[in-house]
Amino acid sequence: MNENLQRWIAPELGEEEGGMNEGEEKGKNLEAAVFSLGLVLFEIESGKVPFGEIDGVNAHRQLGTGTRPKMENMSEEMIELISSCLNVNAMERPSLDTISEKLILIGKNTSQLTSEEARSLEEELKQTRQKQTAISS
């Protein structure tokens, strides 16, 4: 498995396998997918790769110790949603239906941004992407 992809894999999945063993329950795939979705939501919301300053293997190890990426400049609702997806206890992660419902509610709240706030967020994301591109080059 590509080591950079490991940063999006749930900690309960071994870094060697990068996925489920054949005999494991199907439900664990869903719980692991929710964890990965939480990291994708983090990246979308923050404009930053989770633990982008370190390689994927070490990022996966950080996640395994319970360390989570810093969630800054996000609404409390989004921080709560992402944190629930990244719960160490896989059984306590939200369902996909719950995530969908919360995202719809968050979207409605976000749509109330002023145009100035929206432009500021767009500019911040643009600058972050430019920095990430420069780092990866």
Protein backbone atom coordinates (compact mmCIF):
# COMPACT_ATOMS: atom_id res chain seq x y z
CA MET A 1 0.00 0.00 0.00
CA ASN A 2 1.14 3.51 -0.79
CA GLU A 3 2.47 4.93 2.48
CA ASN A 4 0.87 8.32 1.86
CA LEU A 5 -2.58 6.72 1.84
CA GLN A 6 -2.04 5.35 5.33
CA ARG A 7 -2.78 8.74 6.88
CA TRP A 8 -6.48 8.23 5.98
CA ILE A 9 -6.76 4.71 7.39
CA ALA A 10 -8.48 4.07 10.72
CA PRO A 11 -6.05 3.16 13.50
CA GLU A 12 -7.77 -0.16 14.15
CA LEU A 13 -6.64 -1.29 10.71
CA GLY A 14 -3.04 -2.44 10.67
CA GLU A 15 -0.59 -0.31 8.75
CA GLU A 16 0.83 -3.43 7.13
CA GLU A 17 -2.52 -4.56 5.76
CA GLY A 18 -3.95 -1.14 5.01
CA GLY A 19 -7.32 -2.83 5.10
CA MET A 20 -9.47 -5.50 6.62
CA ASN A 21 -8.47 -9.12 7.02
CA GLU A 22 -10.81 -11.45 5.18
CA GLY A 23 -12.40 -12.87 8.32
CA GLU A 24 -13.25 -9.53 9.91
CA GLU A 25 -16.80 -8.26 10.14
CA LYS A 26 -18.29 -6.14 7.39
CA GLY A 27 -19.43 -3.57 9.98
CA LYS A 28 -15.82 -2.78 10.81
CA ASN A 29 -15.30 -1.69 7.21
CA LEU A 30 -18.07 0.87 7.65
CA GLU A 31 -16.68 2.09 10.98
CA ALA A 32 -13.23 2.44 9.42
CA ALA A 33 -14.76 4.27 6.45
CA VAL A 34 -16.39 6.75 8.85
CA PHE A 35 -12.97 7.41 10.40
CA SER A 36 -11.47 8.01 6.95
CA LEU A 37 -14.41 10.26 6.06
CA GLY A 38 -13.67 12.30 9.19
CA LEU A 39 -10.13 12.88 7.93
CA VAL A 40 -11.42 13.83 4.47
CA LEU A 41 -13.87 16.27 6.10
CA PHE A 42 -10.95 17.71 8.06
CA GLU A 43 -8.99 18.23 4.85
CA ILE A 44 -11.94 19.81 3.06
CA GLU A 45 -12.79 22.10 5.96
CA SER A 46 -9.23 23.12 6.88
CA GLY A 47 -7.61 22.96 3.46
CA LYS A 48 -4.80 20.94 5.08
CA VAL A 49 -3.73 17.34 4.74
CA PRO A 50 -4.04 15.60 8.13
CA PHE A 51 -0.53 15.62 9.63
CA GLY A 52 0.79 16.90 6.30
CA GLU A 53 4.11 17.77 7.88
CA ILE A 54 4.99 14.07 8.35
CA ASP A 55 4.85 11.00 6.12
CA GLY A 56 1.79 8.76 5.91
CA VAL A 57 3.19 5.93 8.05
CA ASN A 58 3.99 8.27 10.94
CA ALA A 59 0.66 10.05 10.50
CA HIS A 60 -1.08 6.66 10.86
CA ARG A 61 0.95 5.99 14.01
CA GLN A 62 -0.06 9.39 15.43
CA LEU A 63 -3.70 8.57 14.80
CA GLY A 64 -3.17 5.23 16.54
CA THR A 65 -2.00 6.99 19.71
CA GLY A 66 -5.17 9.09 19.76
CA THR A 67 -3.50 12.24 18.46
CA ARG A 68 -5.77 14.19 16.13
CA PRO A 69 -5.01 17.03 13.70
CA LYS A 70 -5.53 20.54 15.07
CA MET A 71 -8.98 21.76 14.13
CA GLU A 72 -8.71 25.50 13.81
CA ASN A 73 -10.93 28.02 12.05
CA MET A 74 -13.86 25.63 11.89
CA SER A 75 -17.34 25.94 13.27
CA GLU A 76 -18.01 24.18 16.57
CA GLU A 77 -20.50 21.97 14.73
CA MET A 78 -17.88 20.84 12.22
CA ILE A 79 -15.29 20.23 14.93
CA GLU A 80 -17.85 18.14 16.81
CA LEU A 81 -18.74 16.15 13.68
CA ILE A 82 -15.13 15.49 12.69
CA SER A 83 -14.19 14.58 16.26
CA SER A 84 -17.06 12.10 16.44
CA CYS A 85 -15.90 10.48 13.19
CA LEU A 86 -12.36 10.22 14.59
CA ASN A 87 -13.49 8.60 17.82
CA VAL A 88 -10.95 6.03 19.04
CA ASN A 89 -13.84 3.69 19.86
CA ALA A 90 -15.08 2.59 16.46
CA MET A 91 -18.48 1.61 17.88
CA GLU A 92 -19.08 5.21 19.00
CA ARG A 93 -18.55 6.75 15.57
CA PRO A 94 -21.67 8.17 13.92
CA SER A 95 -23.60 6.45 11.17
CA LEU A 96 -23.41 7.73 7.61
CA ASP A 97 -27.02 8.91 7.95
CA THR A 98 -26.12 10.96 11.02
CA ILE A 99 -23.10 12.44 9.25
CA SER A 100 -25.24 13.36 6.25
CA GLU A 101 -27.88 15.03 8.42
CA LYS A 102 -25.26 17.02 10.33
CA LEU A 103 -23.54 18.14 7.13
CA ILE A 104 -26.85 19.41 5.77
CA LEU A 105 -27.44 21.39 8.97
CA ILE A 106 -23.89 22.74 8.97
CA GLY A 107 -24.26 23.70 5.30
CA LYS A 108 -27.39 25.68 6.06
CA ASN A 109 -25.57 27.55 8.84
CA THR A 110 -22.52 28.17 6.63
CA SER A 111 -24.63 29.56 3.82
CA GLN A 112 -25.38 32.49 6.10
CA LEU A 113 -21.81 33.82 5.75
CA THR A 114 -21.47 37.35 4.47
CA SER A 115 -19.84 37.69 1.08
CA GLU A 116 -16.80 39.25 2.77
CA GLU A 117 -16.44 36.23 5.09
CA ALA A 118 -16.79 33.87 2.13
CA ARG A 119 -14.10 35.74 0.15
CA SER A 120 -11.80 35.66 3.18
CA LEU A 121 -12.25 31.90 3.52
CA GLU A 122 -11.63 31.38 -0.20
CA GLU A 123 -8.43 33.43 -0.01
CA GLU A 124 -7.23 31.51 3.04
CA LEU A 125 -7.86 28.17 1.27
CA LYS A 126 -6.07 29.41 -1.86
CA GLN A 127 -3.00 30.38 0.18
CA THR A 128 -3.00 27.05 2.01
CA ARG A 129 -3.17 25.12 -1.28
CA GLN A 130 -0.30 27.19 -2.71
CA LYS A 131 1.81 26.36 0.35
CA GLN A 132 0.98 22.65 0.04
CA THR A 133 1.88 22.69 -3.64
CA ALA A 134 5.22 24.37 -2.88
CA ILE A 135 5.98 21.80 -0.16
CA SER A 136 5.19 18.82 -2.41
CA SER A 137 7.30 20.15 -5.28
